[in-house]
Amino acid sequence: MDRTSATPQLDVPLRVRTVDWDDPDAETLRAEMSAEVGPRYAYLELGERGLTPNAVDLDTVYRTFVAYSDTEPAGHAAVRWNDGDLELKRMFVRPAYRGTGTATALLRAAEAAAREVGRPRLILQTGHLQPDAVRFYERSGYHRIPLFAPYHVLPLSNCFARNLD
């Protein structure tokens, strides 16, 4: 069965699991995210700006999450260390699960991870061609902050933080 086109089991409680970065479901979800979002930003020629869009220094990854509806992977998020802050990375919800609370559950798991290590806030970056993501983060209590590395080379980026105390 093609997992990306299956009808979601929305009557099944959603659960978020901590997984390894190289967990097969996590890898599949990140590949789906790249396929969906990557073409939007191809014109930026990120490599010429010193950014490798799909690269994450595994030494900086603190925790990786996959949200499940029954046994179906519905979404992904990770948090990594970025200059003393925890940064949300690779937040993605499969289209069939958007609007089901999956993104909120993943975001809350990421925030809990930041609290767990005593960080006063969680930071994130999202691109200018993702207005739905911008609205979601604003509705979730995030406020804009100045661009931070490595996204400072992308002047149209949207950087956000949420104070967790």
Protein backbone atom coordinates (compact mmCIF):
# COMPACT_ATOMS: atom_id res chain seq x y z
CA MET A 1 0.00 0.00 0.00
CA ASP A 2 1.25 3.49 -0.86
CA ARG A 3 1.52 5.19 2.53
CA THR A 4 1.34 8.70 1.06
CA SER A 5 -2.12 8.21 -0.45
CA ALA A 6 -3.78 6.12 2.26
CA THR A 7 -6.85 7.58 3.90
CA PRO A 8 -5.81 8.84 7.35
CA GLN A 9 -7.22 7.17 10.42
CA LEU A 10 -8.40 10.41 12.00
CA ASP A 11 -10.55 8.60 14.55
CA VAL A 12 -7.40 7.03 16.00
CA PRO A 13 -5.55 9.04 18.66
CA LEU A 14 -2.42 10.72 17.41
CA ARG A 15 0.81 9.85 19.18
CA VAL A 16 4.25 11.40 18.84
CA ARG A 17 7.27 9.13 19.22
CA THR A 18 10.90 10.04 19.64
CA VAL A 19 12.91 8.20 17.00
CA ASP A 20 16.45 8.12 15.69
CA TRP A 21 17.30 10.56 12.89
CA ASP A 22 17.81 7.62 10.52
CA ASP A 23 14.51 5.94 11.43
CA PRO A 24 12.91 4.76 8.14
CA ASP A 25 9.65 6.65 8.75
CA ALA A 26 11.57 9.83 9.59
CA GLU A 27 13.66 9.50 6.44
CA THR A 28 10.54 8.93 4.31
CA LEU A 29 8.82 11.99 5.75
CA ARG A 30 11.89 14.20 5.21
CA ALA A 31 12.10 12.99 1.60
CA GLU A 32 8.43 13.87 1.10
CA MET A 33 9.05 17.30 2.58
CA SER A 34 12.00 17.89 0.25
CA ALA A 35 9.94 16.81 -2.75
CA GLU A 36 7.13 19.20 -1.82
CA VAL A 37 9.05 22.24 -0.61
CA GLY A 38 12.40 22.00 -2.39
CA PRO A 39 11.20 23.01 -5.86
CA ARG A 40 9.71 26.24 -4.48
CA TYR A 41 13.17 27.46 -3.52
CA ALA A 42 15.26 26.06 -6.38
CA TYR A 43 15.66 29.55 -7.83
CA LEU A 44 17.61 30.68 -4.75
CA GLU A 45 20.63 28.53 -5.64
CA LEU A 46 21.23 27.83 -1.96
CA GLY A 47 24.54 26.08 -2.58
CA GLU A 48 25.97 29.33 -3.88
CA ARG A 49 24.94 30.97 -0.59
CA GLY A 50 26.77 28.36 1.45
CA LEU A 51 23.63 26.42 2.41
CA THR A 52 22.95 22.78 1.74
CA PRO A 53 19.16 22.52 1.92
CA ASN A 54 18.84 18.92 3.11
CA ALA A 55 22.00 18.68 5.18
CA VAL A 56 21.81 18.62 8.96
CA ASP A 57 24.90 18.20 11.10
CA LEU A 58 23.91 15.10 13.02
CA ASP A 59 26.09 16.17 15.94
CA THR A 60 23.67 19.06 16.51
CA VAL A 61 20.42 17.03 16.39
CA TYR A 62 18.99 16.74 19.87
CA ARG A 63 15.75 14.90 19.19
CA THR A 64 13.69 13.65 16.24
CA PHE A 65 9.93 13.09 16.36
CA VAL A 66 7.45 11.21 14.18
CA ALA A 67 3.71 11.60 14.71
CA TYR A 68 1.59 8.53 14.08
CA SER A 69 -2.09 7.98 13.49
CA ASP A 70 -2.42 4.31 14.36
CA THR A 71 0.63 2.88 12.54
CA GLU A 72 0.64 5.50 9.77
CA PRO A 73 3.40 8.14 9.94
CA ALA A 74 1.65 11.49 9.70
CA GLY A 75 4.37 14.04 10.38
CA HIS A 76 7.95 14.80 11.37
CA ALA A 77 9.88 17.38 13.37
CA ALA A 78 13.34 17.58 14.86
CA VAL A 79 15.18 19.94 17.15
CA ARG A 80 18.84 20.74 16.88
CA TRP A 81 21.31 22.89 18.76
CA ASN A 82 22.00 26.24 17.16
CA ASP A 83 24.31 28.53 19.12
CA GLY A 84 22.82 27.73 22.54
CA ASP A 85 19.21 27.59 21.37
CA LEU A 86 17.17 24.62 20.27
CA GLU A 87 15.93 25.15 16.72
CA LEU A 88 12.94 23.40 15.18
CA LYS A 89 13.90 21.67 11.94
CA ARG A 90 12.14 19.67 9.25
CA MET A 91 8.60 20.23 10.50
CA PHE A 92 6.38 18.47 8.00
CA VAL A 93 2.89 17.02 8.01
CA ARG A 94 1.65 14.83 5.20
CA PRO A 95 -1.09 16.56 3.22
CA ALA A 96 -3.77 14.07 4.28
CA TYR A 97 -3.09 14.90 7.94
CA ARG A 98 -3.03 18.68 7.71
CA GLY A 99 -5.71 20.24 9.86
CA THR A 100 -5.86 17.23 12.20
CA GLY A 101 -3.71 18.58 15.04
CA THR A 102 -0.60 16.74 13.88
CA ALA A 103 1.48 19.90 13.49
CA THR A 104 0.44 21.14 16.92
CA ALA A 105 1.35 17.81 18.52
CA LEU A 106 4.78 17.86 16.89
CA LEU A 107 5.38 21.49 17.86
CA ARG A 108 4.44 20.77 21.48
CA ALA A 109 6.86 17.82 21.54
CA ALA A 110 9.64 20.09 20.27
CA GLU A 111 8.81 22.72 22.88
CA ALA A 112 8.82 20.06 25.61
CA ALA A 113 12.31 19.03 24.49
CA ALA A 114 13.50 22.63 24.82
CA ARG A 115 12.00 22.91 28.30
CA GLU A 116 13.58 19.58 29.24
CA VAL A 117 17.06 21.04 28.71
CA GLY A 118 16.23 24.37 30.33
CA ARG A 119 16.03 26.48 27.18
CA PRO A 120 13.86 29.57 27.61
CA ARG A 121 12.68 29.56 24.01
CA LEU A 122 12.44 27.53 20.81
CA ILE A 123 13.55 29.15 17.55
CA LEU A 124 12.77 28.28 13.95
CA GLN A 125 13.08 29.45 10.37
CA THR A 126 10.60 29.01 7.58
CA GLY A 127 10.77 30.21 4.03
CA HIS A 128 8.92 33.11 2.49
CA LEU A 129 7.08 30.77 0.13
CA GLN A 130 5.36 28.93 2.98
CA PRO A 131 2.61 31.30 4.13
CA ASP A 132 0.62 28.48 5.75
CA ALA A 133 3.59 27.69 7.97
CA VAL A 134 4.01 31.36 8.89
CA ARG A 135 0.33 31.58 9.89
CA PHE A 136 0.58 28.34 11.88
CA TYR A 137 3.59 29.55 13.89
CA GLU A 138 2.01 32.95 14.55
CA ARG A 139 -1.22 31.28 15.75
CA SER A 140 0.91 29.02 17.95
CA GLY A 141 2.39 31.96 19.86
CA TYR A 142 5.61 32.50 17.91
CA HIS A 143 6.90 36.00 17.23
CA ARG A 144 9.30 37.21 14.58
CA ILE A 145 12.93 37.59 15.52
CA PRO A 146 15.95 38.83 13.53
CA LEU A 147 17.40 36.39 11.03
CA PHE A 148 19.90 34.06 12.65
CA ALA A 149 22.70 31.94 11.20
CA PRO A 150 22.75 30.23 8.85
CA TYR A 151 19.59 31.88 7.43
CA HIS A 152 20.97 35.41 7.62
CA VAL A 153 22.08 34.94 3.99
CA LEU A 154 18.42 34.56 2.99
CA PRO A 155 16.88 38.01 3.51
CA LEU A 156 13.35 36.77 2.76
CA SER A 157 13.47 34.13 5.50
CA ASN A 158 11.04 34.21 8.38
CA CYS A 159 12.64 33.54 11.76
CA PHE A 160 10.51 33.04 14.84
CA ALA A 161 10.81 32.25 18.53
CA ARG A 162 8.42 31.35 21.30
CA ASN A 163 9.25 32.06 24.91
CA LEU A 164 8.58 28.92 26.89
CA ASP A 165 8.51 30.21 30.45
